[in-house]
Each structure stands twice: as C-alpha cells, then as structure tokens.
Amino acid sequence: MKNATLRQLKVFEAVARHLSFSRAAEELHLTQPAVSTQVKKLEEHAGLPLFEQLGKKIHLTPAGAEMLHSSRVIIRQFQDVEEAMTQFKGVSGGKLNVAVISAGDYFFPSLLVEFARRHAGVTLNFGVCNREELLEQLTDNLTDLAIMVRPPLDMDTENEPFAPHPYVIVAAHDHPLASRKRIPVSRLAREPFVVREKGSDTWNSMEEGFGTHLAELNIAMKIKSTETIKQAVIAGMGVSFLSAHTVSRELQAGSLVVLDVQGFPLMLNWYVVHRKNKRLPPVAQAFRSYLLTDGAALIEQALGARVKRPKR
C-alpha cells in the first residue's frame, strides 16, 4: 500500500459511499473510466478486490469495508491539516466549501460571485444537490456550510435563518383560475397537480402547506425535475406547488402566474447550516456572516420578484 495515493483513496471512498461508479464520477467531476482506473490501481496496491458485482449492483468486499474505514481516517487527517493551514491564509486565500439544495440553484451563483468580488483570492467549491445528498455531505464532512430550507432534526447542527423562502401555487397564464381571487383549497383540489417526488424538500414543504388537505389533491404526476414541472404547467398539464425562487423568470415573462389561493404562499426560510463541532475556516465564517447580513437583499435583487405574504 506504500504507493497508494490520496487521490485513489478519495475516489475509492466516493464509489464506496454511493456504491456506484457513475455517481462517484459525477460527484468528482471525472469520467467513469477515470474512476474505474483509480479504483483498479488501489486494488492492485492492496492485492485484493475491494468491490464485487452481484447482479447489477456492486458491494464492498470485507477487504473493501476495511479499506473504506481506513481511507476515511486518512482523508479526515488531510482535511484537518488543510483546515489548520487555512487558518493562516485568512479569508482571501481560503477555499469555501458550500452546498445548496436544488431550489437555490436559481440565485446562489450570483451570491457567490458577489462574495468572491468582495474577497479577492477566494476559491469556490460549490455543489447543488437534493436534500438527502446534502445531509450526506454534512454527515461525511464534505462541506463546511449547507444551505437548505429544513435543517435536520436528528443532527447536531447550528441552523440560522437568513432569508425568506416562499412557496406558491403556479399555473399557466391562461388557466381558468388565473384571474380568480381568494381561491379555496377545496376548489384547487379539483385541478391536476404536477409535483416533485416524495422526500424532496419541495414535497415536504407541500405537506406542510396543505396539511390535512394534501390527501384531497389530485396528484396527476410526480417529476424529479423542477424545470420539467414548469414546462408541464406552462403546457397546461396542471398546476404545481413550487418555490417562488424557481419560477421568478417565468413569472416575469408571463408564462406562469401565481394563483391567489387562500393560505398561500407558504412562507418558510433559507437556513445556513453547519455541524456544531465543525471548526469553520475563516472563509466559511465570512460567508456565513455575509449571508446573515446581506443574503435576503441579494436574493431579492438576483430574482427581481417579490411574493406577497398570504392574507389570514
């Protein structure tokens, strides 16, 4: 094992965590053949197979399970050294590791650009993922900060709200309900809904927004892609419950409208989250302060749209 490299260990750890070469390649921004090559080299150094194929799925061998444990220890030690060295670099020379749920993809890059403009020399490592993947990144210490709507209840995290996050009911511009005021939920229940999949942050918010009325809705289709949902609604396939931040461009263009439904929009918050025992490097501390101070105004500026609070 003396010739094994940190790169090989990191690639192996990603494959072992996902139990998928393709998902590891996507996370690491490598081709799948490149990932396979790194794992094969590590197996050659170990002199033992680390994975075995059973049907269409791969599994860790006993040697692979031991390698995974040791790899994580080694990777963590290198991360500790990197974090310690970052303390001496300060903000300008630091590397910001931050991940955000998919709804943040519509405005977060502009926040990062502004932060980098204020702090020349900062290196950005930015990822967009679903809620499950984001929680995995926090658990595995793969990100310093996580930006989400629903902080975990079963993790020891510091959760700070920094901006409002409204969820709205949207329809095509020519929908029969587009001009109606104070639409009852009972009337809305007759419309076909095109929604995100169960387990997604949007679905969890939808459960909160509709409460006991959720079971009354006509769920016509569940789709994992917000972009596809928007196109389906524009085409007239139904209405949808979405983050207002994901539909700002369509609202400005007039291809979608927000329906005036009683009790909506659902007003939640964006949170900046990190592990309590995490020693945040200066650049992460600076970005956290930046979000808490300027995040709400910058998001509104980036999206160029306001959503009125519901009338109770």
C-alpha atoms as a PDB file:
ATOM      1  CA  MET A   1       0.000   0.000   0.000  1.00  0.00           C
ATOM      2  CA  LYS A   2       3.008   2.334   0.193  1.00  0.00           C
ATOM      3  CA  ASN A   3       2.424   3.522  -3.375  1.00  0.00           C
ATOM      4  CA  ALA A   4      -1.279   4.278  -2.959  1.00  0.00           C
ATOM      5  CA  THR A   5      -2.212   7.935  -3.398  1.00  0.00           C
ATOM      6  CA  LEU A   6      -4.650  10.233  -1.630  1.00  0.00           C
ATOM      7  CA  ARG A   7      -6.444  10.697  -4.947  1.00  0.00           C
ATOM      8  CA  GLN A   8      -7.035   6.954  -5.200  1.00  0.00           C
ATOM      9  CA  LEU A   9      -8.366   6.847  -1.642  1.00  0.00           C
ATOM     10  CA  LYS A  10     -10.752   9.760  -2.313  1.00  0.00           C
ATOM     11  CA  VAL A  11     -12.071   8.166  -5.492  1.00  0.00           C
ATOM     12  CA  PHE A  12     -12.488   4.813  -3.746  1.00  0.00           C
ATOM     13  CA  GLU A  13     -14.312   6.477  -0.823  1.00  0.00           C
ATOM     14  CA  ALA A  14     -16.753   8.176  -3.193  1.00  0.00           C
ATOM     15  CA  VAL A  15     -17.517   4.919  -5.016  1.00  0.00           C
ATOM     16  CA  ALA A  16     -17.934   3.064  -1.720  1.00  0.00           C
ATOM     17  CA  ARG A  17     -20.253   5.751  -0.344  1.00  0.00           C
ATOM     18  CA  HIS A  18     -22.506   5.747  -3.392  1.00  0.00           C
ATOM     19  CA  LEU A  19     -21.926   2.093  -4.324  1.00  0.00           C
ATOM     20  CA  SER A  20     -21.891   3.455  -7.842  1.00  0.00           C
ATOM     21  CA  PHE A  21     -19.036   4.323 -10.194  1.00  0.00           C
ATOM     22  CA  SER A  22     -21.228   6.668 -12.218  1.00  0.00           C
ATOM     23  CA  ARG A  23     -22.466   8.675  -9.226  1.00  0.00           C
ATOM     24  CA  ALA A  24     -18.939   8.921  -7.855  1.00  0.00           C
ATOM     25  CA  ALA A  25     -17.743  10.157 -11.256  1.00  0.00           C
ATOM     26  CA  GLU A  26     -20.469  12.805 -11.265  1.00  0.00           C
ATOM     27  CA  GLU A  27     -19.578  13.993  -7.764  1.00  0.00           C
ATOM     28  CA  LEU A  28     -15.849  14.141  -8.511  1.00  0.00           C
ATOM     29  CA  HIS A  29     -16.292  15.676 -11.983  1.00  0.00           C
ATOM     30  CA  LEU A  30     -14.421  12.762 -13.563  1.00  0.00           C
ATOM     31  CA  THR A  31     -15.278  10.326 -16.311  1.00  0.00           C
ATOM     32  CA  GLN A  32     -16.440   6.883 -15.251  1.00  0.00           C
ATOM     33  CA  PRO A  33     -13.394   5.199 -16.880  1.00  0.00           C
ATOM     34  CA  ALA A  34     -11.122   7.524 -14.872  1.00  0.00           C
ATOM     35  CA  VAL A  35     -12.858   6.494 -11.647  1.00  0.00           C
ATOM     36  CA  SER A  36     -12.601   2.811 -12.557  1.00  0.00           C
ATOM     37  CA  THR A  37      -8.889   3.225 -13.288  1.00  0.00           C
ATOM     38  CA  GLN A  38      -8.185   4.820  -9.898  1.00  0.00           C
ATOM     39  CA  VAL A  39     -10.065   2.071  -8.056  1.00  0.00           C
ATOM     40  CA  LYS A  40      -8.267  -0.624 -10.055  1.00  0.00           C
ATOM     41  CA  LYS A  41      -4.877   0.889  -9.161  1.00  0.00           C
ATOM     42  CA  LEU A  42      -5.815   0.919  -5.485  1.00  0.00           C
ATOM     43  CA  GLU A  43      -6.878  -2.726  -5.692  1.00  0.00           C
ATOM     44  CA  GLU A  44      -3.511  -3.534  -7.279  1.00  0.00           C
ATOM     45  CA  HIS A  45      -1.738  -1.811  -4.372  1.00  0.00           C
ATOM     46  CA  ALA A  46      -3.903  -3.691  -1.871  1.00  0.00           C
ATOM     47  CA  GLY A  47      -3.529  -7.012  -3.687  1.00  0.00           C
ATOM     48  CA  LEU A  48      -7.207  -7.732  -3.049  1.00  0.00           C
ATOM     49  CA  PRO A  49     -10.543  -6.917  -4.708  1.00  0.00           C
ATOM     50  CA  LEU A  50     -12.356  -4.080  -2.932  1.00  0.00           C
ATOM     51  CA  PHE A  51     -15.695  -4.455  -4.726  1.00  0.00           C
ATOM     52  CA  GLU A  52     -17.720  -7.368  -6.013  1.00  0.00           C
ATOM     53  CA  GLN A  53     -20.539  -7.389  -8.552  1.00  0.00           C
ATOM     54  CA  LEU A  54     -23.785  -9.099  -7.556  1.00  0.00           C
ATOM     55  CA  GLY A  55     -26.349  -8.753 -10.299  1.00  0.00           C
ATOM     56  CA  LYS A  56     -26.444  -5.133 -11.379  1.00  0.00           C
ATOM     57  CA  LYS A  57     -25.185  -3.782  -8.047  1.00  0.00           C
ATOM     58  CA  ILE A  58     -21.706  -3.519  -6.578  1.00  0.00           C
ATOM     59  CA  HIS A  59     -20.883  -4.281  -2.950  1.00  0.00           C
ATOM     60  CA  LEU A  60     -17.838  -3.838  -0.760  1.00  0.00           C
ATOM     61  CA  THR A  61     -15.799  -6.960  -0.073  1.00  0.00           C
ATOM     62  CA  PRO A  62     -14.599  -7.481   3.520  1.00  0.00           C
ATOM     63  CA  ALA A  63     -11.255  -6.017   2.419  1.00  0.00           C
ATOM     64  CA  GLY A  64     -13.127  -3.100   0.844  1.00  0.00           C
ATOM     65  CA  ALA A  65     -15.016  -2.389   4.069  1.00  0.00           C
ATOM     66  CA  GLU A  66     -11.736  -2.240   5.972  1.00  0.00           C
ATOM     67  CA  MET A  67     -10.214  -0.041   3.272  1.00  0.00           C
ATOM     68  CA  LEU A  68     -13.177   2.316   3.488  1.00  0.00           C
ATOM     69  CA  HIS A  69     -12.724   2.776   7.232  1.00  0.00           C
ATOM     70  CA  SER A  70      -9.001   3.429   6.876  1.00  0.00           C
ATOM     71  CA  SER A  71      -9.495   5.712   3.862  1.00  0.00           C
ATOM     72  CA  ARG A  72     -11.892   7.934   5.758  1.00  0.00           C
ATOM     73  CA  VAL A  73      -9.456   8.238   8.656  1.00  0.00           C
ATOM     74  CA  ILE A  74      -6.656   9.237   6.285  1.00  0.00           C
ATOM     75  CA  ILE A  75      -8.838  11.671   4.305  1.00  0.00           C
ATOM     76  CA  ARG A  76     -10.066  13.245   7.539  1.00  0.00           C
ATOM     77  CA  GLN A  77      -6.465  13.726   8.704  1.00  0.00           C
ATOM     78  CA  PHE A  78      -5.580  15.502   5.473  1.00  0.00           C
ATOM     79  CA  GLN A  79      -8.704  17.678   5.818  1.00  0.00           C
ATOM     80  CA  ASP A  80      -7.689  18.596   9.363  1.00  0.00           C
ATOM     81  CA  VAL A  81      -4.273  19.658   8.098  1.00  0.00           C
ATOM     82  CA  GLU A  82      -5.843  21.652   5.259  1.00  0.00           C
ATOM     83  CA  GLU A  83      -8.213  23.398   7.671  1.00  0.00           C
ATOM     84  CA  ALA A  84      -5.358  24.170  10.034  1.00  0.00           C
ATOM     85  CA  MET A  85      -3.330  25.694   7.202  1.00  0.00           C
ATOM     86  CA  THR A  86      -6.369  27.675   6.037  1.00  0.00           C
ATOM     87  CA  GLN A  87      -6.448  29.413   9.412  1.00  0.00           C
ATOM     88  CA  PHE A  88      -3.157  31.039   8.469  1.00  0.00           C
ATOM     89  CA  LYS A  89      -4.380  32.061   4.997  1.00  0.00           C
ATOM     90  CA  GLY A  90      -7.351  34.057   6.254  1.00  0.00           C
ATOM     91  CA  VAL A  91     -10.364  34.794   4.070  1.00  0.00           C
ATOM     92  CA  SER A  92      -8.642  35.913   0.875  1.00  0.00           C
ATOM     93  CA  GLY A  93      -6.557  32.782   0.462  1.00  0.00           C
ATOM     94  CA  GLY A  94      -9.208  30.366   1.677  1.00  0.00           C
ATOM     95  CA  LYS A  95     -11.347  27.740  -0.039  1.00  0.00           C
ATOM     96  CA  LEU A  96     -15.104  27.961   0.504  1.00  0.00           C
ATOM     97  CA  ASN A  97     -16.908  24.603   0.544  1.00  0.00           C
ATOM     98  CA  VAL A  98     -20.658  25.167   0.353  1.00  0.00           C
ATOM     99  CA  ALA A  99     -23.589  23.084  -0.893  1.00  0.00           C
ATOM    100  CA  VAL A 100     -27.210  24.078  -1.529  1.00  0.00           C
ATOM    101  CA  ILE A 101     -30.486  22.295  -2.274  1.00  0.00           C
ATOM    102  CA  SER A 102     -31.644  22.450  -5.890  1.00  0.00           C
ATOM    103  CA  ALA A 103     -34.026  25.405  -5.429  1.00  0.00           C
ATOM    104  CA  GLY A 104     -31.009  27.543  -4.558  1.00  0.00           C
ATOM    105  CA  ASP A 105     -29.513  26.907  -7.981  1.00  0.00           C
ATOM    106  CA  TYR A 106     -31.620  29.805  -9.298  1.00  0.00           C
ATOM    107  CA  PHE A 107     -29.941  32.532  -7.257  1.00  0.00           C
ATOM    108  CA  PHE A 108     -26.977  31.122  -5.333  1.00  0.00           C
ATOM    109  CA  PRO A 109     -24.314  31.538  -8.049  1.00  0.00           C
ATOM    110  CA  SER A 110     -24.912  35.295  -8.038  1.00  0.00           C
ATOM    111  CA  LEU A 111     -24.395  35.371  -4.246  1.00  0.00           C
ATOM    112  CA  LEU A 112     -21.127  33.503  -4.649  1.00  0.00           C
ATOM    113  CA  VAL A 113     -19.956  35.876  -7.376  1.00  0.00           C
ATOM    114  CA  GLU A 114     -20.643  38.888  -5.154  1.00  0.00           C
ATOM    115  CA  PHE A 115     -18.847  37.248  -2.213  1.00  0.00           C
ATOM    116  CA  ALA A 116     -15.825  36.484  -4.402  1.00  0.00           C
ATOM    117  CA  ARG A 117     -15.863  40.095  -5.634  1.00  0.00           C
ATOM    118  CA  ARG A 118     -15.672  41.321  -2.048  1.00  0.00           C
ATOM    119  CA  HIS A 119     -12.948  38.834  -1.105  1.00  0.00           C
ATOM    120  CA  ALA A 120     -10.404  38.534  -3.895  1.00  0.00           C
ATOM    121  CA  GLY A 121      -8.434  35.282  -3.920  1.00  0.00           C
ATOM    122  CA  VAL A 122     -11.198  33.078  -2.503  1.00  0.00           C
ATOM    123  CA  THR A 123     -11.543  29.656  -4.137  1.00  0.00           C
ATOM    124  CA  LEU A 124     -15.134  28.429  -4.510  1.00  0.00           C
ATOM    125  CA  ASN A 125     -16.211  24.787  -4.242  1.00  0.00           C
ATOM    126  CA  PHE A 126     -19.974  24.871  -4.841  1.00  0.00           C
ATOM    127  CA  GLY A 127     -22.381  21.953  -5.155  1.00  0.00           C
ATOM    128  CA  VAL A 128     -26.120  21.657  -5.876  1.00  0.00           C
ATOM    129  CA  CYS A 129     -27.909  18.525  -4.674  1.00  0.00           C
ATOM    130  CA  ASN A 130     -31.164  17.215  -3.266  1.00  0.00           C
ATOM    131  CA  ARG A 131     -31.902  17.159   0.450  1.00  0.00           C
ATOM    132  CA  GLU A 132     -30.741  13.566   1.007  1.00  0.00           C
ATOM    133  CA  GLU A 133     -27.408  14.216  -0.694  1.00  0.00           C
ATOM    134  CA  LEU A 134     -26.965  17.463   1.218  1.00  0.00           C
ATOM    135  CA  LEU A 135     -27.447  15.712   4.554  1.00  0.00           C
ATOM    136  CA  GLU A 136     -24.930  13.063   3.468  1.00  0.00           C
ATOM    137  CA  GLN A 137     -22.403  15.804   2.743  1.00  0.00           C
ATOM    138  CA  LEU A 138     -22.906  17.247   6.223  1.00  0.00           C
ATOM    139  CA  THR A 139     -22.659  13.804   7.822  1.00  0.00           C
ATOM    140  CA  ASP A 140     -19.498  12.904   5.902  1.00  0.00           C
ATOM    141  CA  ASN A 141     -17.929  16.340   6.482  1.00  0.00           C
ATOM    142  CA  LEU A 142     -17.724  17.018   2.742  1.00  0.00           C
ATOM    143  CA  THR A 143     -18.979  20.591   3.019  1.00  0.00           C
ATOM    144  CA  ASP A 144     -18.392  23.403   5.504  1.00  0.00           C
ATOM    145  CA  LEU A 145     -21.786  25.028   5.053  1.00  0.00           C
ATOM    146  CA  ALA A 146     -25.125  23.729   3.775  1.00  0.00           C
ATOM    147  CA  ILE A 147     -27.905  25.979   2.504  1.00  0.00           C
ATOM    148  CA  MET A 148     -31.365  24.476   2.924  1.00  0.00           C
ATOM    149  CA  VAL A 149     -34.967  25.089   3.929  1.00  0.00           C
ATOM    150  CA  ARG A 150     -35.429  22.363   6.501  1.00  0.00           C
ATOM    151  CA  PRO A 151     -32.459  21.882   8.835  1.00  0.00           C
ATOM    152  CA  PRO A 152     -32.044  18.316  10.112  1.00  0.00           C
ATOM    153  CA  LEU A 153     -33.698  17.489  13.401  1.00  0.00           C
ATOM    154  CA  ASP A 154     -31.533  14.464  14.165  1.00  0.00           C
ATOM    155  CA  MET A 155     -28.080  16.021  13.662  1.00  0.00           C
ATOM    156  CA  ASP A 156     -26.022  18.219  15.960  1.00  0.00           C
ATOM    157  CA  THR A 157     -26.106  21.309  13.735  1.00  0.00           C
ATOM    158  CA  GLU A 158     -26.146  25.080  14.032  1.00  0.00           C
ATOM    159  CA  ASN A 159     -29.098  26.381  11.985  1.00  0.00           C
ATOM    160  CA  GLU A 160     -29.506  30.098  11.244  1.00  0.00           C
ATOM    161  CA  PRO A 161     -32.250  31.624   9.047  1.00  0.00           C
ATOM    162  CA  PHE A 162     -31.009  34.332   6.689  1.00  0.00           C
ATOM    163  CA  ALA A 163     -33.724  34.913   4.055  1.00  0.00           C
ATOM    164  CA  PRO A 164     -37.425  34.226   3.444  1.00  0.00           C
ATOM    165  CA  HIS A 165     -38.311  31.371   1.094  1.00  0.00           C
ATOM    166  CA  PRO A 166     -41.903  31.476  -0.187  1.00  0.00           C
ATOM    167  CA  TYR A 167     -43.665  28.559  -1.863  1.00  0.00           C
ATOM    168  CA  VAL A 168     -46.525  29.306  -4.266  1.00  0.00           C
ATOM    169  CA  ILE A 169     -49.193  27.638  -6.395  1.00  0.00           C
ATOM    170  CA  VAL A 170     -48.472  28.299 -10.077  1.00  0.00           C
ATOM    171  CA  ALA A 171     -50.463  27.774 -13.264  1.00  0.00           C
ATOM    172  CA  ALA A 172     -50.238  28.633 -16.951  1.00  0.00           C
ATOM    173  CA  HIS A 173     -51.025  32.282 -17.751  1.00  0.00           C
ATOM    174  CA  ASP A 174     -54.333  31.330 -19.427  1.00  0.00           C
ATOM    175  CA  HIS A 175     -55.531  28.951 -16.714  1.00  0.00           C
ATOM    176  CA  PRO A 176     -59.237  29.436 -15.776  1.00  0.00           C
ATOM    177  CA  LEU A 177     -58.233  30.224 -12.173  1.00  0.00           C
ATOM    178  CA  ALA A 178     -55.561  32.776 -13.118  1.00  0.00           C
ATOM    179  CA  SER A 179     -57.875  35.772 -12.571  1.00  0.00           C
ATOM    180  CA  ARG A 180     -59.750  34.385  -9.557  1.00  0.00           C
ATOM    181  CA  LYS A 181     -59.234  35.879  -6.089  1.00  0.00           C
ATOM    182  CA  ARG A 182     -59.090  34.052  -2.763  1.00  0.00           C
ATOM    183  CA  ILE A 183     -59.423  30.581  -4.301  1.00  0.00           C
ATOM    184  CA  PRO A 184     -60.460  27.995  -1.665  1.00  0.00           C
ATOM    185  CA  VAL A 185     -58.250  24.932  -1.327  1.00  0.00           C
ATOM    186  CA  SER A 186     -61.349  22.810  -1.927  1.00  0.00           C
ATOM    187  CA  ARG A 187     -61.674  24.355  -5.414  1.00  0.00           C
ATOM    188  CA  LEU A 188     -57.984  23.875  -6.105  1.00  0.00           C
ATOM    189  CA  ALA A 189     -58.267  20.189  -5.200  1.00  0.00           C
ATOM    190  CA  ARG A 190     -60.157  19.583  -8.432  1.00  0.00           C
ATOM    191  CA  GLU A 191     -57.159  20.627 -10.523  1.00  0.00           C
ATOM    192  CA  PRO A 192     -54.479  18.095 -11.615  1.00  0.00           C
ATOM    193  CA  PHE A 193     -51.205  18.711  -9.771  1.00  0.00           C
ATOM    194  CA  VAL A 194     -47.732  18.179 -11.242  1.00  0.00           C
ATOM    195  CA  VAL A 195     -45.378  17.915  -8.258  1.00  0.00           C
ATOM    196  CA  ARG A 196     -41.893  16.990  -7.069  1.00  0.00           C
ATOM    197  CA  GLU A 197     -41.237  13.487  -5.779  1.00  0.00           C
ATOM    198  CA  LYS A 198     -41.810  12.382  -2.190  1.00  0.00           C
ATOM    199  CA  GLY A 199     -38.802  13.011   0.036  1.00  0.00           C
ATOM    200  CA  SER A 200     -37.771  16.141  -1.844  1.00  0.00           C
ATOM    201  CA  ASP A 201     -37.636  19.422   0.051  1.00  0.00           C
ATOM    202  CA  THR A 202     -40.456  20.768  -2.131  1.00  0.00           C
ATOM    203  CA  TRP A 203     -42.693  17.787  -1.349  1.00  0.00           C
ATOM    204  CA  ASN A 204     -42.013  18.163   2.389  1.00  0.00           C
ATOM    205  CA  SER A 205     -42.935  21.847   2.148  1.00  0.00           C
ATOM    206  CA  MET A 206     -46.071  20.929   0.210  1.00  0.00           C
ATOM    207  CA  GLU A 207     -47.086  18.572   3.022  1.00  0.00           C
ATOM    208  CA  GLU A 208     -46.704  21.426   5.483  1.00  0.00           C
ATOM    209  CA  GLY A 209     -48.542  23.924   3.282  1.00  0.00           C
ATOM    210  CA  PHE A 210     -51.601  21.767   2.610  1.00  0.00           C
ATOM    211  CA  GLY A 211     -51.677  19.845   5.872  1.00  0.00           C
ATOM    212  CA  THR A 212     -54.692  17.559   6.046  1.00  0.00           C
ATOM    213  CA  HIS A 213     -55.877  18.839   2.642  1.00  0.00           C
ATOM    214  CA  LEU A 214     -52.943  17.135   0.911  1.00  0.00           C
ATOM    215  CA  ALA A 215     -54.859  13.855   0.654  1.00  0.00           C
ATOM    216  CA  GLU A 216     -57.643  15.674  -1.204  1.00  0.00           C
ATOM    217  CA  LEU A 217     -55.369  16.872  -4.024  1.00  0.00           C
ATOM    218  CA  ASN A 218     -55.432  15.298  -7.468  1.00  0.00           C
ATOM    219  CA  ILE A 219     -51.761  14.358  -7.878  1.00  0.00           C
ATOM    220  CA  ALA A 220     -51.559  13.693 -11.609  1.00  0.00           C
ATOM    221  CA  MET A 221     -47.797  13.386 -11.987  1.00  0.00           C
ATOM    222  CA  LYS A 222     -44.604  13.311  -9.876  1.00  0.00           C
ATOM    223  CA  ILE A 223     -41.431  14.541 -11.546  1.00  0.00           C
ATOM    224  CA  LYS A 224     -37.901  14.894 -10.135  1.00  0.00           C
ATOM    225  CA  SER A 225     -37.004  17.896 -12.295  1.00  0.00           C
ATOM    226  CA  THR A 226     -38.336  21.340 -11.387  1.00  0.00           C
ATOM    227  CA  GLU A 227     -37.600  22.546 -14.919  1.00  0.00           C
ATOM    228  CA  THR A 228     -39.728  19.754 -16.384  1.00  0.00           C
ATOM    229  CA  ILE A 229     -42.549  20.547 -13.956  1.00  0.00           C
ATOM    230  CA  LYS A 230     -42.520  24.197 -15.057  1.00  0.00           C
ATOM    231  CA  GLN A 231     -42.732  23.233 -18.723  1.00  0.00           C
ATOM    232  CA  ALA A 232     -45.586  20.819 -17.976  1.00  0.00           C
ATOM    233  CA  VAL A 233     -47.528  23.558 -16.193  1.00  0.00           C
ATOM    234  CA  ILE A 234     -46.875  26.067 -18.972  1.00  0.00           C
ATOM    235  CA  ALA A 235     -48.183  23.480 -21.459  1.00  0.00           C
ATOM    236  CA  GLY A 236     -51.419  23.217 -19.480  1.00  0.00           C
ATOM    237  CA  MET A 237     -50.940  19.801 -17.887  1.00  0.00           C
ATOM    238  CA  GLY A 238     -51.932  21.083 -14.456  1.00  0.00           C
ATOM    239  CA  VAL A 239     -50.941  23.353 -11.597  1.00  0.00           C
ATOM    240  CA  SER A 240     -47.993  22.973  -9.244  1.00  0.00           C
ATOM    241  CA  PHE A 241     -46.601  23.866  -5.830  1.00  0.00           C
ATOM    242  CA  LEU A 242     -43.075  25.263  -6.230  1.00  0.00           C
ATOM    243  CA  SER A 243     -40.529  27.530  -4.613  1.00  0.00           C
ATOM    244  CA  ALA A 244     -41.161  31.094  -5.779  1.00  0.00           C
ATOM    245  CA  HIS A 245     -37.418  31.366  -6.301  1.00  0.00           C
ATOM    246  CA  THR A 246     -37.519  28.687  -9.002  1.00  0.00           C
ATOM    247  CA  VAL A 247     -40.216  30.401 -11.086  1.00  0.00           C
ATOM    248  CA  SER A 248     -39.148  34.064 -10.943  1.00  0.00           C
ATOM    249  CA  ARG A 249     -38.124  34.190 -14.610  1.00  0.00           C
ATOM    250  CA  GLU A 250     -41.368  32.589 -15.791  1.00  0.00           C
ATOM    251  CA  LEU A 251     -43.421  34.973 -13.637  1.00  0.00           C
ATOM    252  CA  GLN A 252     -41.596  37.968 -15.086  1.00  0.00           C
ATOM    253  CA  ALA A 253     -42.036  36.607 -18.625  1.00  0.00           C
ATOM    254  CA  GLY A 254     -45.744  35.970 -18.016  1.00  0.00           C
ATOM    255  CA  SER A 255     -45.679  32.288 -18.958  1.00  0.00           C
ATOM    256  CA  LEU A 256     -46.651  31.333 -15.396  1.00  0.00           C
ATOM    257  CA  VAL A 257     -48.862  33.065 -12.833  1.00  0.00           C
ATOM    258  CA  VAL A 258     -49.190  32.686  -9.070  1.00  0.00           C
ATOM    259  CA  LEU A 259     -52.698  31.622  -8.138  1.00  0.00           C
ATOM    260  CA  ASP A 260     -54.329  33.563  -5.317  1.00  0.00           C
ATOM    261  CA  VAL A 261     -55.089  30.586  -3.080  1.00  0.00           C
ATOM    262  CA  GLN A 262     -56.281  31.041   0.491  1.00  0.00           C
ATOM    263  CA  GLY A 263     -53.442  30.460   2.954  1.00  0.00           C
ATOM    264  CA  PHE A 264     -50.685  30.747   0.362  1.00  0.00           C
ATOM    265  CA  PRO A 265     -47.889  31.464  -0.264  1.00  0.00           C
ATOM    266  CA  LEU A 266     -46.299  29.262   2.366  1.00  0.00           C
ATOM    267  CA  MET A 267     -43.576  31.422   3.919  1.00  0.00           C
ATOM    268  CA  LEU A 268     -40.520  29.468   5.061  1.00  0.00           C
ATOM    269  CA  ASN A 269     -36.861  30.436   5.431  1.00  0.00           C
ATOM    270  CA  TRP A 270     -33.482  29.713   3.956  1.00  0.00           C
ATOM    271  CA  TYR A 271     -31.013  28.438   6.576  1.00  0.00           C
ATOM    272  CA  VAL A 272     -27.244  28.323   6.657  1.00  0.00           C
ATOM    273  CA  VAL A 273     -26.309  25.098   8.451  1.00  0.00           C
ATOM    274  CA  HIS A 274     -23.073  23.603   9.774  1.00  0.00           C
ATOM    275  CA  ARG A 275     -22.075  20.935  12.256  1.00  0.00           C
ATOM    276  CA  LYS A 276     -21.708  22.340  15.765  1.00  0.00           C
ATOM    277  CA  ASN A 277     -18.374  20.630  16.285  1.00  0.00           C
ATOM    278  CA  LYS A 278     -17.118  21.822  12.891  1.00  0.00           C
ATOM    279  CA  ARG A 279     -14.171  24.197  13.056  1.00  0.00           C
ATOM    280  CA  LEU A 280     -15.158  26.631  10.344  1.00  0.00           C
ATOM    281  CA  PRO A 281     -12.234  28.145   8.434  1.00  0.00           C
ATOM    282  CA  PRO A 282     -12.165  31.965   8.184  1.00  0.00           C
ATOM    283  CA  VAL A 283     -13.595  31.967   4.667  1.00  0.00           C
ATOM    284  CA  ALA A 284     -16.617  29.912   5.777  1.00  0.00           C
ATOM    285  CA  GLN A 285     -17.123  32.170   8.786  1.00  0.00           C
ATOM    286  CA  ALA A 286     -17.002  35.193   6.497  1.00  0.00           C
ATOM    287  CA  PHE A 287     -19.520  33.649   4.072  1.00  0.00           C
ATOM    288  CA  ARG A 288     -21.886  32.772   6.931  1.00  0.00           C
ATOM    289  CA  SER A 289     -21.759  36.382   8.177  1.00  0.00           C
ATOM    290  CA  TYR A 290     -22.261  37.625   4.619  1.00  0.00           C
ATOM    291  CA  LEU A 291     -25.449  35.539   4.249  1.00  0.00           C
ATOM    292  CA  LEU A 292     -26.830  36.622   7.618  1.00  0.00           C
ATOM    293  CA  THR A 293     -26.180  40.294   6.851  1.00  0.00           C
ATOM    294  CA  ASP A 294     -26.866  40.644   3.124  1.00  0.00           C
ATOM    295  CA  GLY A 295     -28.361  37.329   1.956  1.00  0.00           C
ATOM    296  CA  ALA A 296     -32.042  38.327   1.914  1.00  0.00           C
ATOM    297  CA  ALA A 297     -31.462  41.563  -0.018  1.00  0.00           C
ATOM    298  CA  LEU A 298     -29.128  39.896  -2.510  1.00  0.00           C
ATOM    299  CA  ILE A 299     -31.588  37.075  -3.221  1.00  0.00           C
ATOM    300  CA  GLU A 300     -34.379  39.563  -3.870  1.00  0.00           C
ATOM    301  CA  GLN A 301     -32.077  41.562  -6.122  1.00  0.00           C
ATOM    302  CA  ALA A 302     -30.965  38.443  -8.022  1.00  0.00           C
ATOM    303  CA  LEU A 303     -34.510  37.212  -8.615  1.00  0.00           C
ATOM    304  CA  GLY A 304     -36.122  40.577  -9.179  1.00  0.00           C
ATOM    305  CA  ALA A 305     -39.508  39.444  -7.878  1.00  0.00           C
ATOM    306  CA  ARG A 306     -41.458  39.749  -4.666  1.00  0.00           C
ATOM    307  CA  VAL A 307     -44.133  37.421  -3.366  1.00  0.00           C
ATOM    308  CA  LYS A 308     -46.810  38.849  -1.098  1.00  0.00           C
ATOM    309  CA  ARG A 309     -47.474  37.176   2.201  1.00  0.00           C
ATOM    310  CA  PRO A 310     -50.830  35.376   2.491  1.00  0.00           C
ATOM    311  CA  LYS A 311     -53.855  37.087   3.969  1.00  0.00           C
ATOM    312  CA  ARG A 312     -55.071  35.244   7.051  1.00  0.00           C
END
